[in-house]
PDB file of N, CA and C in Angstrom:
ATOM      1  N   UNK A   1     -23.640  10.894  -5.894  1.00  0.00           N
ATOM      2  CA  UNK A   1     -22.895  10.175  -5.266  1.00  0.00           C
ATOM      3  C   UNK A   1     -21.714  10.759  -4.783  1.00  0.00           C
ATOM      4  N   UNK A   2     -21.338  10.219  -4.065  1.00  0.00           N
ATOM      5  CA  UNK A   2     -20.002  11.266  -3.393  1.00  0.00           C
ATOM      6  C   UNK A   2     -18.594  10.163  -4.018  1.00  0.00           C
ATOM      7  N   UNK A   3     -17.832  11.122  -4.391  1.00  0.00           N
ATOM      8  CA  UNK A   3     -16.525  10.477  -4.862  1.00  0.00           C
ATOM      9  C   UNK A   3     -15.495   9.667  -4.001  1.00  0.00           C
ATOM     10  N   UNK A   4     -14.886   8.876  -4.841  1.00  0.00           N
ATOM     11  CA  UNK A   4     -14.035   8.029  -3.766  1.00  0.00           C
ATOM     12  C   UNK A   4     -12.184   8.668  -3.641  1.00  0.00           C
ATOM     13  N   UNK A   5     -12.748   8.465  -2.058  1.00  0.00           N
ATOM     14  CA  UNK A   5     -11.239   8.856  -1.745  1.00  0.00           C
ATOM     15  C   UNK A   5     -10.009   7.591  -1.500  1.00  0.00           C
ATOM     16  N   UNK A   6      -8.873   7.553  -1.627  1.00  0.00           N
ATOM     17  CA  UNK A   6      -7.884   7.308  -1.288  1.00  0.00           C
ATOM     18  C   UNK A   6      -6.765   7.691  -0.580  1.00  0.00           C
ATOM     19  N   UNK A   7      -6.358   6.777   0.039  1.00  0.00           N
ATOM     20  CA  UNK A   7      -5.139   7.347   1.377  1.00  0.00           C
ATOM     21  C   UNK A   7      -4.090   7.452   0.358  1.00  0.00           C
ATOM     22  N   UNK A   8      -3.789   8.662   1.009  1.00  0.00           N
ATOM     23  CA  UNK A   8      -2.280   8.888   0.900  1.00  0.00           C
ATOM     24  C   UNK A   8      -1.189   9.229   1.709  1.00  0.00           C
ATOM     25  N   UNK A   9      -0.085   9.070   1.385  1.00  0.00           N
ATOM     26  CA  UNK A   9       0.605   9.170   2.283  1.00  0.00           C
ATOM     27  C   UNK A   9       0.885  11.040   2.709  1.00  0.00           C
ATOM     28  N   UNK A  10       0.757  11.025   4.133  1.00  0.00           N
ATOM     29  CA  UNK A  10       1.165  12.519   4.852  1.00  0.00           C
ATOM     30  C   UNK A  10       2.404  12.601   5.290  1.00  0.00           C
ATOM     31  N   UNK A  11       3.115  11.418   5.589  1.00  0.00           N
ATOM     32  CA  UNK A  11       3.983  11.792   6.138  1.00  0.00           C
ATOM     33  C   UNK A  11       4.918  12.547   5.302  1.00  0.00           C
ATOM     34  N   UNK A  12       6.685  13.519   5.766  1.00  0.00           N
ATOM     35  CA  UNK A  12       7.024  13.549   4.436  1.00  0.00           C
ATOM     36  C   UNK A  12       8.390  12.656   3.830  1.00  0.00           C
ATOM     37  N   UNK A  13       7.652  11.763   3.294  1.00  0.00           N
ATOM     38  CA  UNK A  13       8.555  11.098   2.735  1.00  0.00           C
ATOM     39  C   UNK A  13       8.488  11.057   0.883  1.00  0.00           C
ATOM     40  N   UNK A  14       9.421  10.418   0.140  1.00  0.00           N
ATOM     41  CA  UNK A  14       8.985  10.472  -1.244  1.00  0.00           C
ATOM     42  C   UNK A  14       7.766   9.679  -1.397  1.00  0.00           C
ATOM     43  N   UNK A  15       7.495   9.853  -2.563  1.00  0.00           N
ATOM     44  CA  UNK A  15       5.986   8.893  -2.840  1.00  0.00           C
ATOM     45  C   UNK A  15       6.957   7.443  -3.972  1.00  0.00           C
ATOM     46  N   UNK A  16       6.188   6.445  -3.829  1.00  0.00           N
ATOM     47  CA  UNK A  16       6.625   5.022  -4.104  1.00  0.00           C
ATOM     48  C   UNK A  16       6.681   5.378  -6.254  1.00  0.00           C
ATOM     49  N   UNK A  17       5.822   6.426  -6.274  1.00  0.00           N
ATOM     50  CA  UNK A  17       5.564   6.274  -7.717  1.00  0.00           C
ATOM     51  C   UNK A  17       7.327   6.877  -8.325  1.00  0.00           C
ATOM     52  N   UNK A  18       7.541   8.373  -7.688  1.00  0.00           N
ATOM     53  CA  UNK A  18       9.089   9.296  -7.400  1.00  0.00           C
ATOM     54  C   UNK A  18       9.879   8.395  -7.446  1.00  0.00           C
ATOM     55  N   UNK A  19       9.958   7.995  -5.896  1.00  0.00           N
ATOM     56  CA  UNK A  19      10.901   7.655  -5.411  1.00  0.00           C
ATOM     57  C   UNK A  19      12.158   7.109  -6.472  1.00  0.00           C
ATOM     58  N   UNK A  20      13.332   7.321  -6.645  1.00  0.00           N
ATOM     59  CA  UNK A  20      14.298   6.430  -7.091  1.00  0.00           C
ATOM     60  C   UNK A  20      15.555   6.412  -6.628  1.00  0.00           C
ATOM     61  N   UNK A  21      15.924   6.771  -5.432  1.00  0.00           N
ATOM     62  CA  UNK A  21      16.521   5.944  -4.415  1.00  0.00           C
ATOM     63  C   UNK A  21      16.343   4.682  -3.290  1.00  0.00           C
ATOM     64  N   UNK A  22      16.919   4.152  -3.592  1.00  0.00           N
ATOM     65  CA  UNK A  22      16.038   2.812  -2.226  1.00  0.00           C
ATOM     66  C   UNK A  22      16.213   3.028  -1.321  1.00  0.00           C
ATOM     67  N   UNK A  23      16.738   4.132  -0.787  1.00  0.00           N
ATOM     68  CA  UNK A  23      16.605   4.814   1.054  1.00  0.00           C
ATOM     69  C   UNK A  23      15.226   5.658   0.740  1.00  0.00           C
ATOM     70  N   UNK A  24      14.831   6.124   0.083  1.00  0.00           N
ATOM     71  CA  UNK A  24      13.369   6.786   0.048  1.00  0.00           C
ATOM     72  C   UNK A  24      12.472   5.662   0.315  1.00  0.00           C
ATOM     73  N   UNK A  25      12.702   4.319  -0.938  1.00  0.00           N
ATOM     74  CA  UNK A  25      11.796   3.272  -0.999  1.00  0.00           C
ATOM     75  C   UNK A  25      12.290   2.748   0.806  1.00  0.00           C
ATOM     76  N   UNK A  26      12.692   2.862   1.015  1.00  0.00           N
ATOM     77  CA  UNK A  26      12.936   1.890   2.507  1.00  0.00           C
ATOM     78  C   UNK A  26      12.241   2.802   3.144  1.00  0.00           C
ATOM     79  N   UNK A  27      12.264   3.812   2.668  1.00  0.00           N
ATOM     80  CA  UNK A  27      11.501   4.653   4.348  1.00  0.00           C
ATOM     81  C   UNK A  27      10.179   4.727   4.124  1.00  0.00           C
ATOM     82  N   UNK A  28       9.855   4.414   3.319  1.00  0.00           N
ATOM     83  CA  UNK A  28       8.182   4.251   3.012  1.00  0.00           C
ATOM     84  C   UNK A  28       8.149   3.069   3.198  1.00  0.00           C
ATOM     85  N   UNK A  29       8.330   2.197   3.076  1.00  0.00           N
ATOM     86  CA  UNK A  29       8.359   0.543   3.103  1.00  0.00           C
ATOM     87  C   UNK A  29       8.478   1.110   5.278  1.00  0.00           C
ATOM     88  N   UNK A  30       9.405   1.319   5.755  1.00  0.00           N
ATOM     89  CA  UNK A  30       9.650   1.202   7.463  1.00  0.00           C
ATOM     90  C   UNK A  30       8.454   2.336   7.853  1.00  0.00           C
ATOM     91  N   UNK A  31       7.657   2.982   7.151  1.00  0.00           N
ATOM     92  CA  UNK A  31       6.967   4.350   7.806  1.00  0.00           C
ATOM     93  C   UNK A  31       5.379   3.008   7.764  1.00  0.00           C
ATOM     94  N   UNK A  32       5.171   2.471   6.311  1.00  0.00           N
ATOM     95  CA  UNK A  32       3.990   1.320   6.219  1.00  0.00           C
ATOM     96  C   UNK A  32       4.134   0.472   7.860  1.00  0.00           C
ATOM     97  N   UNK A  33       5.484   0.078   7.748  1.00  0.00           N
ATOM     98  CA  UNK A  33       5.813  -1.137   8.543  1.00  0.00           C
ATOM     99  C   UNK A  33       5.299  -0.747  10.037  1.00  0.00           C
ATOM    100  N   UNK A  34       5.701   0.177  10.620  1.00  0.00           N
ATOM    101  CA  UNK A  34       5.410   1.190  11.874  1.00  0.00           C
ATOM    102  C   UNK A  34       4.262   1.183  12.029  1.00  0.00           C
ATOM    103  N   UNK A  35       3.318   1.759  11.032  1.00  0.00           N
ATOM    104  CA  UNK A  35       2.003   1.790  11.129  1.00  0.00           C
ATOM    105  C   UNK A  35       1.343   0.489  11.422  1.00  0.00           C
ATOM    106  N   UNK A  36       1.192  -0.721  10.828  1.00  0.00           N
ATOM    107  CA  UNK A  36       1.347  -1.707  10.631  1.00  0.00           C
ATOM    108  C   UNK A  36       0.800  -2.420  12.397  1.00  0.00           C
ATOM    109  N   UNK A  37       2.661  -2.181  12.716  1.00  0.00           N
ATOM    110  CA  UNK A  37       3.056  -3.063  13.872  1.00  0.00           C
ATOM    111  C   UNK A  37       1.790  -2.275  14.920  1.00  0.00           C
ATOM    112  N   UNK A  38       2.022  -0.829  15.083  1.00  0.00           N
ATOM    113  CA  UNK A  38       1.274  -0.247  15.988  1.00  0.00           C
ATOM    114  C   UNK A  38       0.098  -0.728  15.647  1.00  0.00           C
ATOM    115  N   UNK A  39      -0.489  -0.562  15.212  1.00  0.00           N
ATOM    116  CA  UNK A  39      -1.977  -1.143  15.435  1.00  0.00           C
ATOM    117  C   UNK A  39      -2.249  -2.503  15.723  1.00  0.00           C
ATOM    118  N   UNK A  40      -1.063  -2.932  15.170  1.00  0.00           N
ATOM    119  CA  UNK A  40      -1.517  -4.623  16.089  1.00  0.00           C
ATOM    120  C   UNK A  40      -0.893  -4.918  17.465  1.00  0.00           C
ATOM    121  N   UNK A  41      -0.659  -3.976  18.323  1.00  0.00           N
ATOM    122  CA  UNK A  41      -0.278  -3.793  19.758  1.00  0.00           C
ATOM    123  C   UNK A  41      -1.530  -3.447  19.659  1.00  0.00           C
ATOM    124  N   UNK A  42      -2.341  -2.234  19.764  1.00  0.00           N
ATOM    125  CA  UNK A  42      -4.077  -2.470  20.153  1.00  0.00           C
ATOM    126  C   UNK A  42      -4.308  -1.860  20.805  1.00  0.00           C
ATOM    127  N   UNK A  43      -3.141  -1.698  22.243  1.00  0.00           N
ATOM    128  CA  UNK A  43      -3.832  -1.908  23.345  1.00  0.00           C
ATOM    129  C   UNK A  43      -3.470   0.262  23.879  1.00  0.00           C
ATOM    130  N   UNK A  44      -4.749   0.682  24.150  1.00  0.00           N
ATOM    131  CA  UNK A  44      -5.109   2.258  24.910  1.00  0.00           C
ATOM    132  C   UNK A  44      -4.324   3.342  22.958  1.00  0.00           C
ATOM    133  N   UNK A  45      -5.206   2.819  21.859  1.00  0.00           N
ATOM    134  CA  UNK A  45      -4.451   3.159  20.960  1.00  0.00           C
ATOM    135  C   UNK A  45      -5.602   4.714  21.226  1.00  0.00           C
ATOM    136  N   UNK A  46      -5.158   5.463  20.587  1.00  0.00           N
ATOM    137  CA  UNK A  46      -5.757   7.035  21.047  1.00  0.00           C
ATOM    138  C   UNK A  46      -5.679   7.523  19.534  1.00  0.00           C
ATOM    139  N   UNK A  47      -6.491   7.143  18.721  1.00  0.00           N
ATOM    140  CA  UNK A  47      -7.086   7.553  17.398  1.00  0.00           C
ATOM    141  C   UNK A  47      -6.843   9.082  16.768  1.00  0.00           C
ATOM    142  N   UNK A  48      -7.425  10.038  17.762  1.00  0.00           N
ATOM    143  CA  UNK A  48      -7.579  11.382  17.600  1.00  0.00           C
ATOM    144  C   UNK A  48      -6.830  12.097  17.977  1.00  0.00           C
ATOM    145  N   UNK A  49      -5.099  11.619  18.436  1.00  0.00           N
ATOM    146  CA  UNK A  49      -4.362  12.537  19.364  1.00  0.00           C
ATOM    147  C   UNK A  49      -2.991  11.745  19.268  1.00  0.00           C
ATOM    148  N   UNK A  50      -2.264  12.696  19.237  1.00  0.00           N
ATOM    149  CA  UNK A  50      -0.786  12.052  19.527  1.00  0.00           C
ATOM    150  C   UNK A  50      -0.253  11.098  18.408  1.00  0.00           C
ATOM    151  N   UNK A  51       0.478  10.146  18.576  1.00  0.00           N
ATOM    152  CA  UNK A  51       0.730   9.574  17.285  1.00  0.00           C
ATOM    153  C   UNK A  51      -0.629   9.183  16.085  1.00  0.00           C
ATOM    154  N   UNK A  52      -1.843   8.556  16.870  1.00  0.00           N
ATOM    155  CA  UNK A  52      -2.588   8.074  16.639  1.00  0.00           C
ATOM    156  C   UNK A  52      -3.214   8.248  14.779  1.00  0.00           C
ATOM    157  N   UNK A  53      -3.405   9.568  14.801  1.00  0.00           N
ATOM    158  CA  UNK A  53      -3.718  10.373  13.088  1.00  0.00           C
ATOM    159  C   UNK A  53      -2.844   9.834  12.254  1.00  0.00           C
ATOM    160  N   UNK A  54      -1.335  10.118  12.493  1.00  0.00           N
ATOM    161  CA  UNK A  54      -0.759   9.764  11.652  1.00  0.00           C
ATOM    162  C   UNK A  54       0.084   8.258  11.116  1.00  0.00           C
ATOM    163  N   UNK A  55      -0.463   7.443  12.420  1.00  0.00           N
ATOM    164  CA  UNK A  55      -0.392   6.339  12.049  1.00  0.00           C
ATOM    165  C   UNK A  55      -1.718   5.104  11.825  1.00  0.00           C
ATOM    166  N   UNK A  56      -2.956   5.863  11.633  1.00  0.00           N
ATOM    167  CA  UNK A  56      -4.034   5.437  10.416  1.00  0.00           C
ATOM    168  C   UNK A  56      -3.633   6.069   9.655  1.00  0.00           C
ATOM    169  N   UNK A  57      -2.990   7.175   9.155  1.00  0.00           N
ATOM    170  CA  UNK A  57      -3.158   7.394   8.350  1.00  0.00           C
ATOM    171  C   UNK A  57      -1.789   6.814   7.267  1.00  0.00           C
ATOM    172  N   UNK A  58      -1.140   6.319   7.691  1.00  0.00           N
ATOM    173  CA  UNK A  58       0.604   5.560   7.361  1.00  0.00           C
ATOM    174  C   UNK A  58      -0.405   4.201   6.862  1.00  0.00           C
ATOM    175  N   UNK A  59      -0.608   3.369   8.318  1.00  0.00           N
ATOM    176  CA  UNK A  59      -1.949   2.312   7.214  1.00  0.00           C
ATOM    177  C   UNK A  59      -3.100   2.207   6.662  1.00  0.00           C
ATOM    178  N   UNK A  60      -3.562   3.369   5.936  1.00  0.00           N
ATOM    179  CA  UNK A  60      -4.428   3.656   5.040  1.00  0.00           C
ATOM    180  C   UNK A  60      -3.931   3.962   3.701  1.00  0.00           C
ATOM    181  N   UNK A  61      -2.632   4.325   3.735  1.00  0.00           N
ATOM    182  CA  UNK A  61      -1.650   4.117   3.070  1.00  0.00           C
ATOM    183  C   UNK A  61      -1.019   3.399   2.514  1.00  0.00           C
ATOM    184  N   UNK A  62      -0.954   2.010   3.074  1.00  0.00           N
ATOM    185  CA  UNK A  62      -0.601   0.696   3.059  1.00  0.00           C
ATOM    186  C   UNK A  62      -1.688  -0.202   2.591  1.00  0.00           C
ATOM    187  N   UNK A  63      -2.615  -0.180   3.131  1.00  0.00           N
ATOM    188  CA  UNK A  63      -3.667  -0.489   2.460  1.00  0.00           C
ATOM    189  C   UNK A  63      -3.992  -0.191   1.071  1.00  0.00           C
ATOM    190  N   UNK A  64      -3.567   0.741   0.512  1.00  0.00           N
ATOM    191  CA  UNK A  64      -4.168   1.632  -0.772  1.00  0.00           C
ATOM    192  C   UNK A  64      -2.610   0.905  -1.738  1.00  0.00           C
ATOM    193  N   UNK A  65      -1.520   1.189  -0.865  1.00  0.00           N
ATOM    194  CA  UNK A  65      -1.042   0.846  -1.973  1.00  0.00           C
ATOM    195  C   UNK A  65      -0.828  -0.737  -2.110  1.00  0.00           C
ATOM    196  N   UNK A  66      -0.828  -1.944  -0.496  1.00  0.00           N
ATOM    197  CA  UNK A  66      -1.389  -3.120  -1.593  1.00  0.00           C
ATOM    198  C   UNK A  66      -2.292  -3.162  -2.307  1.00  0.00           C
ATOM    199  N   UNK A  67      -2.995  -2.519  -2.875  1.00  0.00           N
ATOM    200  CA  UNK A  67      -4.431  -2.691  -3.193  1.00  0.00           C
ATOM    201  C   UNK A  67      -3.725  -2.271  -4.920  1.00  0.00           C
ATOM    202  N   UNK A  68      -3.323  -1.421  -4.923  1.00  0.00           N
ATOM    203  CA  UNK A  68      -3.065  -0.917  -6.370  1.00  0.00           C
ATOM    204  C   UNK A  68      -1.768  -2.338  -6.661  1.00  0.00           C
ATOM    205  N   UNK A  69      -0.936  -2.143  -5.991  1.00  0.00           N
ATOM    206  CA  UNK A  69      -0.061  -3.552  -6.104  1.00  0.00           C
ATOM    207  C   UNK A  69      -0.448  -5.105  -6.411  1.00  0.00           C
ATOM    208  N   UNK A  70      -2.011  -5.496  -5.948  1.00  0.00           N
ATOM    209  CA  UNK A  70      -2.676  -6.396  -6.147  1.00  0.00           C
ATOM    210  C   UNK A  70      -2.942  -6.160  -7.637  1.00  0.00           C
ATOM    211  N   UNK A  71      -3.595  -4.684  -7.951  1.00  0.00           N
ATOM    212  CA  UNK A  71      -4.629  -5.022  -9.346  1.00  0.00           C
ATOM    213  C   UNK A  71      -3.287  -5.071 -10.102  1.00  0.00           C
ATOM    214  N   UNK A  72      -2.265  -4.486 -10.094  1.00  0.00           N
ATOM    215  CA  UNK A  72      -0.816  -4.606 -11.171  1.00  0.00           C
ATOM    216  C   UNK A  72      -0.620  -5.708 -11.618  1.00  0.00           C
ATOM    217  N   UNK A  73      -0.409  -6.966 -10.116  1.00  0.00           N
ATOM    218  CA  UNK A  73      -0.034  -8.003 -10.851  1.00  0.00           C
ATOM    219  C   UNK A  73      -1.601  -8.812 -11.097  1.00  0.00           C
ATOM    220  N   UNK A  74      -2.586  -8.579 -10.869  1.00  0.00           N
ATOM    221  CA  UNK A  74      -3.659  -9.217 -11.789  1.00  0.00           C
ATOM    222  C   UNK A  74      -3.719  -8.933 -12.984  1.00  0.00           C
ATOM    223  N   UNK A  75      -3.592  -7.479 -13.451  1.00  0.00           N
ATOM    224  CA  UNK A  75      -3.630  -7.329 -14.801  1.00  0.00           C
ATOM    225  C   UNK A  75      -2.456  -8.218 -15.101  1.00  0.00           C
ATOM    226  N   UNK A  76      -0.704  -8.277 -14.859  1.00  0.00           N
ATOM    227  CA  UNK A  76      -0.111  -9.006 -15.355  1.00  0.00           C
ATOM    228  C   UNK A  76      -0.523 -10.161 -15.613  1.00  0.00           C
ATOM    229  N   UNK A  77      -0.893 -10.941 -14.664  1.00  0.00           N
ATOM    230  CA  UNK A  77      -0.992 -12.524 -14.628  1.00  0.00           C
ATOM    231  C   UNK A  77      -2.251 -12.909 -15.658  1.00  0.00           C
ATOM    232  N   UNK A  78      -3.055 -12.150 -15.826  1.00  0.00           N
ATOM    233  CA  UNK A  78      -4.300 -11.867 -16.941  1.00  0.00           C
ATOM    234  C   UNK A  78      -3.961 -11.651 -18.563  1.00  0.00           C
ATOM    235  N   UNK A  79      -2.454 -10.843 -17.929  1.00  0.00           N
ATOM    236  CA  UNK A  79      -1.989 -10.782 -20.150  1.00  0.00           C
ATOM    237  C   UNK A  79      -1.097 -11.911 -19.933  1.00  0.00           C
ATOM    238  N   UNK A  80      -0.731 -12.603 -19.064  1.00  0.00           N
ATOM    239  CA  UNK A  80       0.630 -13.559 -19.664  1.00  0.00           C
ATOM    240  C   UNK A  80      -0.053 -14.985 -19.775  1.00  0.00           C
ATOM    241  N   UNK A  81      -1.507 -14.796 -19.176  1.00  0.00           N
ATOM    242  CA  UNK A  81      -2.560 -16.271 -19.138  1.00  0.00           C
ATOM    243  C   UNK A  81      -3.194 -15.948 -20.681  1.00  0.00           C
ATOM    244  N   UNK A  82      -3.512 -14.959 -21.070  1.00  0.00           N
ATOM    245  CA  UNK A  82      -3.670 -14.906 -22.606  1.00  0.00           C
ATOM    246  C   UNK A  82      -2.993 -15.214 -23.205  1.00  0.00           C
ATOM    247  N   UNK A  83      -1.889 -14.555 -23.052  1.00  0.00           N
ATOM    248  CA  UNK A  83      -0.794 -14.874 -23.973  1.00  0.00           C
ATOM    249  C   UNK A  83      -0.367 -16.670 -24.410  1.00  0.00           C
ATOM    250  N   UNK A  84      -0.735 -17.174 -23.003  1.00  0.00           N
ATOM    251  CA  UNK A  84      -0.336 -18.536 -23.191  1.00  0.00           C
ATOM    252  C   UNK A  84      -0.636 -19.589 -24.174  1.00  0.00           C
ATOM    253  N   UNK A  85       0.294 -20.196 -24.704  1.00  0.00           N
ATOM    254  CA  UNK A  85      -0.719 -21.200 -25.374  1.00  0.00           C
ATOM    255  C   UNK A  85      -1.547 -22.220 -24.817  1.00  0.00           C
ATOM    256  N   UNK A  86      -2.504 -22.071 -25.548  1.00  0.00           N
ATOM    257  CA  UNK A  86      -3.812 -23.208 -25.413  1.00  0.00           C
ATOM    258  C   UNK A  86      -3.053 -24.364 -25.609  1.00  0.00           C
ATOM    259  N   UNK A  87      -3.716 -25.393 -24.288  1.00  0.00           N
ATOM    260  CA  UNK A  87      -3.420 -27.020 -24.748  1.00  0.00           C
ATOM    261  C   UNK A  87      -4.251 -26.944 -25.969  1.00  0.00           C
ATOM    262  N   UNK A  88      -4.140 -28.108 -26.868  1.00  0.00           N
ATOM    263  CA  UNK A  88      -4.214 -28.817 -28.281  1.00  0.00           C
ATOM    264  C   UNK A  88      -4.685 -30.061 -27.318  1.00  0.00           C
ATOM    265  N   UNK A  89      -5.402 -30.384 -28.576  1.00  0.00           N
ATOM    266  CA  UNK A  89      -5.941 -32.169 -28.544  1.00  0.00           C
ATOM    267  C   UNK A  89      -4.680 -33.053 -28.102  1.00  0.00           C
ATOM    268  N   UNK A  90      -4.215 -33.854 -27.730  1.00  0.00           N
ATOM    269  CA  UNK A  90      -3.340 -34.916 -27.702  1.00  0.00           C
ATOM    270  C   UNK A  90      -3.705 -36.009 -28.389  1.00  0.00           C
TER     271      UNK A  90
END
């Protein structure tokens, strides 16, 4: 069975996990937003040359990033739900 591959940033910016400075986080977010807007434009996109491959990588990075954050939020909500007092009979 093939192993699962998760997209990672190919652009020369710091990863969100190691970025300490807000400027690095902003640069990451702007790269992802640019890719999303570029794809939304949708007209005459050449995915094989020019900016196409870089924007596609950034879009996959955005999707992987959002998926990871959603998983973390789910874990936090489950932990909070389990820790919340259960309502008793009135």
